[in-house]
Structure formats: structure tokens, C-alpha cells
Amino acid sequence: LLCFMLGRYAGTLLMRKIAPRLLLMIYSGAC
């Protein structure tokens, strides 16, 4: 669950450069 929290912060930062839809596609594929 610490990884979950860190993922939220990292995702918030990444969304400044990557569109949310694209990031969702990459992350769900990784899962």
C-alpha cells in the first residue's frame, strides 16, 4: 500500500507531461 501511495504521487507528476488517458492505458497494460 506504500507502493500505491507512491504511485499516486508519481502519477500526479507524470500527468503534467502525459495525457491522463494515455497514462491509464500504459498503467493498465502493465498490470
ModelCIF file with pLDDT and N, C-alpha, C, O atoms, coordinates in Angstrom:
data_MODEL
#
_entry.id   MODEL 
#
_entity.id                         1 
_entity.type                       polymer 
_entity.pdbx_number_of_molecules   1 
#
_entity_poly.entity_id                      1 
_entity_poly.type                           'polypeptide(L)' 
_entity_poly.nstd_linkage                   no 
_entity_poly.nstd_monomer                   no 
_entity_poly.pdbx_seq_one_letter_code       LLCFMLGRYAGTLLMRKIAPRLLLMIYSGAC 
_entity_poly.pdbx_seq_one_letter_code_can   LLCFMLGRYAGTLLMRKIAPRLLLMIYSGAC 
_entity_poly.pdbx_strand_id                 A 
#
loop_
_entity_poly_seq.entity_id 
_entity_poly_seq.num 
_entity_poly_seq.mon_id 
_entity_poly_seq.hetero 
1 1  LEU n 
1 2  LEU n 
1 3  CYS n 
1 4  PHE n 
1 5  MET n 
1 6  LEU n 
1 7  GLY n 
1 8  ARG n 
1 9  TYR n 
1 10 ALA n 
1 11 GLY n 
1 12 THR n 
1 13 LEU n 
1 14 LEU n 
1 15 MET n 
1 16 ARG n 
1 17 LYS n 
1 18 ILE n 
1 19 ALA n 
1 20 PRO n 
1 21 ARG n 
1 22 LEU n 
1 23 LEU n 
1 24 LEU n 
1 25 MET n 
1 26 ILE n 
1 27 TYR n 
1 28 SER n 
1 29 GLY n 
1 30 ALA n 
1 31 CYS n 
#
_struct_asym.id          A 
_struct_asym.entity_id   1 
#
loop_
_ma_qa_metric.id 
_ma_qa_metric.mode 
_ma_qa_metric.name 
_ma_qa_metric.software_group_id 
_ma_qa_metric.type 
1 global pLDDT . pLDDT 
2 local  pLDDT . pLDDT 
#
_ma_qa_metric_global.metric_id      1 
_ma_qa_metric_global.metric_value   89.03 
_ma_qa_metric_global.model_id       1 
_ma_qa_metric_global.ordinal_id     1 
#
loop_
_ma_qa_metric_local.label_asym_id 
_ma_qa_metric_local.label_comp_id 
_ma_qa_metric_local.label_seq_id 
_ma_qa_metric_local.metric_id 
_ma_qa_metric_local.metric_value 
_ma_qa_metric_local.model_id 
_ma_qa_metric_local.ordinal_id 
A LEU 1  2 79.00 1 1  
A LEU 2  2 84.00 1 2  
A CYS 3  2 90.00 1 3  
A PHE 4  2 85.00 1 4  
A MET 5  2 81.00 1 5  
A LEU 6  2 86.00 1 6  
A GLY 7  2 88.00 1 7  
A ARG 8  2 80.00 1 8  
A TYR 9  2 82.00 1 9  
A ALA 10 2 89.00 1 10 
A GLY 11 2 88.00 1 11 
A THR 12 2 80.00 1 12 
A LEU 13 2 86.00 1 13 
A LEU 14 2 90.00 1 14 
A MET 15 2 86.00 1 15 
A ARG 16 2 84.00 1 16 
A LYS 17 2 88.00 1 17 
A ILE 18 2 90.00 1 18 
A ALA 19 2 89.00 1 19 
A PRO 20 2 88.00 1 20 
A ARG 21 2 90.00 1 21 
A LEU 22 2 93.00 1 22 
A LEU 23 2 94.00 1 23 
A LEU 24 2 95.00 1 24 
A MET 25 2 95.00 1 25 
A ILE 26 2 95.00 1 26 
A TYR 27 2 96.00 1 27 
A SER 28 2 97.00 1 28 
A GLY 29 2 97.00 1 29 
A ALA 30 2 97.00 1 30 
A CYS 31 2 98.00 1 31 
#
loop_
_atom_site.group_PDB 
_atom_site.id 
_atom_site.type_symbol 
_atom_site.label_atom_id 
_atom_site.label_alt_id 
_atom_site.label_comp_id 
_atom_site.label_asym_id 
_atom_site.label_entity_id 
_atom_site.label_seq_id 
_atom_site.pdbx_PDB_ins_code 
_atom_site.Cartn_x 
_atom_site.Cartn_y 
_atom_site.Cartn_z 
_atom_site.occupancy 
_atom_site.B_iso_or_equiv 
_atom_site.pdbx_formal_charge 
_atom_site.auth_seq_id 
_atom_site.auth_comp_id 
_atom_site.auth_asym_id 
_atom_site.auth_atom_id 
_atom_site.pdbx_PDB_model_num 
ATOM 1   N N  . LEU A 1 1  ? 0.810  -1.209 0.000   1.00 79.00 ? 1  LEU A N  1 
ATOM 2   C CA . LEU A 1 1  ? 0.000  0.000  0.000   1.00 79.00 ? 1  LEU A CA 1 
ATOM 3   C C  . LEU A 1 1  ? 0.850  1.268  0.000   1.00 79.00 ? 1  LEU A C  1 
ATOM 4   O O  . LEU A 1 1  ? 0.374  2.335  -0.390  1.00 79.00 ? 1  LEU A O  1 
ATOM 5   N N  . LEU A 1 2  ? 2.109  1.157  0.438   1.00 84.00 ? 2  LEU A N  1 
ATOM 6   C CA . LEU A 1 2  ? 3.042  2.266  0.274   1.00 84.00 ? 2  LEU A CA 1 
ATOM 7   C C  . LEU A 1 2  ? 3.319  2.483  -1.216  1.00 84.00 ? 2  LEU A C  1 
ATOM 8   O O  . LEU A 1 2  ? 3.410  3.619  -1.680  1.00 84.00 ? 2  LEU A O  1 
ATOM 9   N N  . CYS A 1 3  ? 3.452  1.382  -1.956  1.00 90.00 ? 3  CYS A N  1 
ATOM 10  C CA . CYS A 1 3  ? 3.630  1.496  -3.412  1.00 90.00 ? 3  CYS A CA 1 
ATOM 11  C C  . CYS A 1 3  ? 2.426  2.174  -4.048  1.00 90.00 ? 3  CYS A C  1 
ATOM 12  O O  . CYS A 1 3  ? 2.569  2.950  -4.993  1.00 90.00 ? 3  CYS A O  1 
ATOM 13  N N  . PHE A 1 4  ? 1.248  1.882  -3.530  1.00 85.00 ? 4  PHE A N  1 
ATOM 14  C CA . PHE A 1 4  ? 0.028  2.517  -4.026  1.00 85.00 ? 4  PHE A CA 1 
ATOM 15  C C  . PHE A 1 4  ? 0.095  4.029  -3.820  1.00 85.00 ? 4  PHE A C  1 
ATOM 16  O O  . PHE A 1 4  ? -0.214 4.798  -4.730  1.00 85.00 ? 4  PHE A O  1 
ATOM 17  N N  . MET A 1 5  ? 0.503  4.454  -2.615  1.00 81.00 ? 5  MET A N  1 
ATOM 18  C CA . MET A 1 5  ? 0.612  5.876  -2.319  1.00 81.00 ? 5  MET A CA 1 
ATOM 19  C C  . MET A 1 5  ? 1.659  6.548  -3.203  1.00 81.00 ? 5  MET A C  1 
ATOM 20  O O  . MET A 1 5  ? 1.409  7.618  -3.757  1.00 81.00 ? 5  MET A O  1 
ATOM 21  N N  . LEU A 1 6  ? 2.841  5.919  -3.337  1.00 86.00 ? 6  LEU A N  1 
ATOM 22  C CA . LEU A 1 6  ? 3.892  6.497  -4.170  1.00 86.00 ? 6  LEU A CA 1 
ATOM 23  C C  . LEU A 1 6  ? 3.458  6.571  -5.633  1.00 86.00 ? 6  LEU A C  1 
ATOM 24  O O  . LEU A 1 6  ? 3.810  7.509  -6.348  1.00 86.00 ? 6  LEU A O  1 
ATOM 25  N N  . GLY A 1 7  ? 2.691  5.571  -6.069  1.00 88.00 ? 7  GLY A N  1 
ATOM 26  C CA . GLY A 1 7  ? 2.184  5.583  -7.437  1.00 88.00 ? 7  GLY A CA 1 
ATOM 27  C C  . GLY A 1 7  ? 1.265  6.755  -7.692  1.00 88.00 ? 7  GLY A C  1 
ATOM 28  O O  . GLY A 1 7  ? 1.281  7.328  -8.782  1.00 88.00 ? 7  GLY A O  1 
ATOM 29  N N  . ARG A 1 8  ? 0.449  7.128  -6.691  1.00 80.00 ? 8  ARG A N  1 
ATOM 30  C CA . ARG A 1 8  ? -0.443 8.274  -6.844  1.00 80.00 ? 8  ARG A CA 1 
ATOM 31  C C  . ARG A 1 8  ? 0.352  9.562  -7.036  1.00 80.00 ? 8  ARG A C  1 
ATOM 32  O O  . ARG A 1 8  ? 0.046  10.359 -7.923  1.00 80.00 ? 8  ARG A O  1 
ATOM 33  N N  . TYR A 1 9  ? 1.371  9.764  -6.203  1.00 82.00 ? 9  TYR A N  1 
ATOM 34  C CA . TYR A 1 9  ? 2.185  10.977 -6.328  1.00 82.00 ? 9  TYR A CA 1 
ATOM 35  C C  . TYR A 1 9  ? 2.931  11.001 -7.663  1.00 82.00 ? 9  TYR A C  1 
ATOM 36  O O  . TYR A 1 9  ? 2.986  12.029 -8.338  1.00 82.00 ? 9  TYR A O  1 
ATOM 37  N N  . ALA A 1 10 ? 3.507  9.849  -8.034  1.00 89.00 ? 10 ALA A N  1 
ATOM 38  C CA . ALA A 1 10 ? 4.234  9.786  -9.306  1.00 89.00 ? 10 ALA A CA 1 
ATOM 39  C C  . ALA A 1 10 ? 3.292  10.037 -10.476 1.00 89.00 ? 10 ALA A C  1 
ATOM 40  O O  . ALA A 1 10 ? 3.642  10.730 -11.431 1.00 89.00 ? 10 ALA A O  1 
ATOM 41  N N  . GLY A 1 11 ? 2.087  9.464  -10.393 1.00 88.00 ? 11 GLY A N  1 
ATOM 42  C CA . GLY A 1 11 ? 1.118  9.657  -11.464 1.00 88.00 ? 11 GLY A CA 1 
ATOM 43  C C  . GLY A 1 11 ? 0.690  11.103 -11.607 1.00 88.00 ? 11 GLY A C  1 
ATOM 44  O O  . GLY A 1 11 ? 0.511  11.600 -12.719 1.00 88.00 ? 11 GLY A O  1 
ATOM 45  N N  . THR A 1 12 ? 0.524  11.785 -10.465 1.00 80.00 ? 12 THR A N  1 
ATOM 46  C CA . THR A 1 12 ? 0.155  13.208 -10.489 1.00 80.00 ? 12 THR A CA 1 
ATOM 47  C C  . THR A 1 12 ? 1.222  14.030 -11.204 1.00 80.00 ? 12 THR A C  1 
ATOM 48  O O  . THR A 1 12 ? 0.910  14.942 -11.970 1.00 80.00 ? 12 THR A O  1 
ATOM 49  N N  . LEU A 1 13 ? 2.485  13.694 -10.945 1.00 86.00 ? 13 LEU A N  1 
ATOM 50  C CA . LEU A 1 13 ? 3.577  14.409 -11.609 1.00 86.00 ? 13 LEU A CA 1 
ATOM 51  C C  . LEU A 1 13 ? 3.642  14.075 -13.095 1.00 86.00 ? 13 LEU A C  1 
ATOM 52  O O  . LEU A 1 13 ? 3.841  14.960 -13.926 1.00 86.00 ? 13 LEU A O  1 
ATOM 53  N N  . LEU A 1 14 ? 3.476  12.807 -13.424 1.00 90.00 ? 14 LEU A N  1 
ATOM 54  C CA . LEU A 1 14 ? 3.563  12.392 -14.825 1.00 90.00 ? 14 LEU A CA 1 
ATOM 55  C C  . LEU A 1 14 ? 2.465  12.997 -15.679 1.00 90.00 ? 14 LEU A C  1 
ATOM 56  O O  . LEU A 1 14 ? 2.649  13.228 -16.874 1.00 90.00 ? 14 LEU A O  1 
ATOM 57  N N  . MET A 1 15 ? 1.298  13.256 -15.046 1.00 86.00 ? 15 MET A N  1 
ATOM 58  C CA . MET A 1 15 ? 0.185  13.818 -15.809 1.00 86.00 ? 15 MET A CA 1 
ATOM 59  C C  . MET A 1 15 ? 0.429  15.254 -16.254 1.00 86.00 ? 15 MET A C  1 
ATOM 60  O O  . MET A 1 15 ? -0.331 15.798 -17.056 1.00 86.00 ? 15 MET A O  1 
ATOM 61  N N  . ARG A 1 16 ? 1.479  15.859 -15.740 1.00 84.00 ? 16 ARG A N  1 
ATOM 62  C CA . ARG A 1 16 ? 1.860  17.179 -16.240 1.00 84.00 ? 16 ARG A CA 1 
ATOM 63  C C  . ARG A 1 16 ? 2.447  17.082 -17.647 1.00 84.00 ? 16 ARG A C  1 
ATOM 64  O O  . ARG A 1 16 ? 2.418  18.046 -18.411 1.00 84.00 ? 16 ARG A O  1 
ATOM 65  N N  . LYS A 1 17 ? 2.980  15.906 -17.978 1.00 88.00 ? 17 LYS A N  1 
ATOM 66  C CA . LYS A 1 17 ? 3.629  15.706 -19.282 1.00 88.00 ? 17 LYS A CA 1 
ATOM 67  C C  . LYS A 1 17 ? 2.878  14.715 -20.168 1.00 88.00 ? 17 LYS A C  1 
ATOM 68  O O  . LYS A 1 17 ? 2.967  14.778 -21.394 1.00 88.00 ? 17 LYS A O  1 
ATOM 69  N N  . ILE A 1 18 ? 2.136  13.797 -19.539 1.00 90.00 ? 18 ILE A N  1 
ATOM 70  C CA . ILE A 1 18 ? 1.464  12.729 -20.287 1.00 90.00 ? 18 ILE A CA 1 
ATOM 71  C C  . ILE A 1 18 ? -0.040 12.850 -20.089 1.00 90.00 ? 18 ILE A C  1 
ATOM 72  O O  . ILE A 1 18 ? -0.504 13.049 -18.966 1.00 90.00 ? 18 ILE A O  1 
ATOM 73  N N  . ALA A 1 19 ? -0.799 12.733 -21.162 1.00 89.00 ? 19 ALA A N  1 
ATOM 74  C CA . ALA A 1 19 ? -2.252 12.816 -21.072 1.00 89.00 ? 19 ALA A CA 1 
ATOM 75  C C  . ALA A 1 19 ? -2.793 11.703 -20.169 1.00 89.00 ? 19 ALA A C  1 
ATOM 76  O O  . ALA A 1 19 ? -2.339 10.563 -20.261 1.00 89.00 ? 19 ALA A O  1 
ATOM 77  N N  . PRO A 1 20 ? -3.763 12.022 -19.291 1.00 88.00 ? 20 PRO A N  1 
ATOM 78  C CA . PRO A 1 20 ? -4.303 11.011 -18.371 1.00 88.00 ? 20 PRO A CA 1 
ATOM 79  C C  . PRO A 1 20 ? -4.763 9.735  -19.072 1.00 88.00 ? 20 PRO A C  1 
ATOM 80  O O  . PRO A 1 20 ? -4.533 8.633  -18.576 1.00 88.00 ? 20 PRO A O  1 
ATOM 81  N N  . ARG A 1 21 ? -5.416 9.888  -20.230 1.00 90.00 ? 21 ARG A N  1 
ATOM 82  C CA . ARG A 1 21 ? -5.911 8.714  -20.958 1.00 90.00 ? 21 ARG A CA 1 
ATOM 83  C C  . ARG A 1 21 ? -4.755 7.807  -21.381 1.00 90.00 ? 21 ARG A C  1 
ATOM 84  O O  . ARG A 1 21 ? -4.852 6.587  -21.248 1.00 90.00 ? 21 ARG A O  1 
ATOM 85  N N  . LEU A 1 22 ? -3.676 8.379  -21.882 1.00 93.00 ? 22 LEU A N  1 
ATOM 86  C CA . LEU A 1 22 ? -2.527 7.593  -22.321 1.00 93.00 ? 22 LEU A CA 1 
ATOM 87  C C  . LEU A 1 22 ? -1.857 6.914  -21.134 1.00 93.00 ? 22 LEU A C  1 
ATOM 88  O O  . LEU A 1 22 ? -1.460 5.752  -21.218 1.00 93.00 ? 22 LEU A O  1 
ATOM 89  N N  . LEU A 1 23 ? -1.733 7.645  -20.025 1.00 94.00 ? 23 LEU A N  1 
ATOM 90  C CA . LEU A 1 23 ? -1.110 7.069  -18.840 1.00 94.00 ? 23 LEU A CA 1 
ATOM 91  C C  . LEU A 1 23 ? -1.955 5.915  -18.302 1.00 94.00 ? 23 LEU A C  1 
ATOM 92  O O  . LEU A 1 23 ? -1.411 4.901  -17.865 1.00 94.00 ? 23 LEU A O  1 
ATOM 93  N N  . LEU A 1 24 ? -3.279 6.063  -18.330 1.00 95.00 ? 24 LEU A N  1 
ATOM 94  C CA . LEU A 1 24 ? -4.167 4.990  -17.899 1.00 95.00 ? 24 LEU A CA 1 
ATOM 95  C C  . LEU A 1 24 ? -3.975 3.750  -18.768 1.00 95.00 ? 24 LEU A C  1 
ATOM 96  O O  . LEU A 1 24 ? -3.995 2.628  -18.264 1.00 95.00 ? 24 LEU A O  1 
ATOM 97  N N  . MET A 1 25 ? -3.793 3.947  -20.057 1.00 95.00 ? 25 MET A N  1 
ATOM 98  C CA . MET A 1 25 ? -3.597 2.826  -20.974 1.00 95.00 ? 25 MET A CA 1 
ATOM 99  C C  . MET A 1 25 ? -2.270 2.113  -20.685 1.00 95.00 ? 25 MET A C  1 
ATOM 100 O O  . MET A 1 25 ? -2.217 0.883  -20.681 1.00 95.00 ? 25 MET A O  1 
ATOM 101 N N  . ILE A 1 26 ? -1.214 2.871  -20.447 1.00 95.00 ? 26 ILE A N  1 
ATOM 102 C CA . ILE A 1 26 ? 0.102  2.283  -20.162 1.00 95.00 ? 26 ILE A CA 1 
ATOM 103 C C  . ILE A 1 26 ? 0.065  1.510  -18.846 1.00 95.00 ? 26 ILE A C  1 
ATOM 104 O O  . ILE A 1 26 ? 0.556  0.384  -18.758 1.00 95.00 ? 26 ILE A O  1 
ATOM 105 N N  . TYR A 1 27 ? -0.522 2.129  -17.831 1.00 96.00 ? 27 TYR A N  1 
ATOM 106 C CA . TYR A 1 27 ? -0.534 1.523  -16.494 1.00 96.00 ? 27 TYR A CA 1 
ATOM 107 C C  . TYR A 1 27 ? -1.397 0.265  -16.445 1.00 96.00 ? 27 TYR A C  1 
ATOM 108 O O  . TYR A 1 27 ? -1.010 -0.724 -15.823 1.00 96.00 ? 27 TYR A O  1 
ATOM 109 N N  . SER A 1 28 ? -2.558 0.290  -17.092 1.00 97.00 ? 28 SER A N  1 
ATOM 110 C CA . SER A 1 28 ? -3.415 -0.895 -17.070 1.00 97.00 ? 28 SER A CA 1 
ATOM 111 C C  . SER A 1 28 ? -2.777 -2.043 -17.842 1.00 97.00 ? 28 SER A C  1 
ATOM 112 O O  . SER A 1 28 ? -2.910 -3.202 -17.451 1.00 97.00 ? 28 SER A O  1 
ATOM 113 N N  . GLY A 1 29 ? -2.082 -1.728 -18.944 1.00 97.00 ? 29 GLY A N  1 
ATOM 114 C CA . GLY A 1 29 ? -1.352 -2.750 -19.684 1.00 97.00 ? 29 GLY A CA 1 
ATOM 115 C C  . GLY A 1 29 ? -0.256 -3.383 -18.840 1.00 97.00 ? 29 GLY A C  1 
ATOM 116 O O  . GLY A 1 29 ? -0.050 -4.596 -18.892 1.00 97.00 ? 29 GLY A O  1 
ATOM 117 N N  . ALA A 1 30 ? 0.449  -2.562 -18.060 1.00 97.00 ? 30 ALA A N  1 
ATOM 118 C CA . ALA A 1 30 ? 1.499  -3.073 -17.175 1.00 97.00 ? 30 ALA A CA 1 
ATOM 119 C C  . ALA A 1 30 ? 0.906  -4.017 -16.132 1.00 97.00 ? 30 ALA A C  1 
ATOM 120 O O  . ALA A 1 30 ? 1.509  -5.043 -15.815 1.00 97.00 ? 30 ALA A O  1 
ATOM 121 N N  . CYS A 1 31 ? -0.275 -3.681 -15.592 1.00 98.00 ? 31 CYS A N  1 
ATOM 122 C CA . CYS A 1 31 ? -0.916 -4.532 -14.585 1.00 98.00 ? 31 CYS A CA 1 
ATOM 123 C C  . CYS A 1 31 ? -1.289 -5.894 -15.167 1.00 98.00 ? 31 CYS A C  1 
ATOM 124 O O  . CYS A 1 31 ? -1.838 -6.739 -14.460 1.00 98.00 ? 31 CYS A O  1 
#
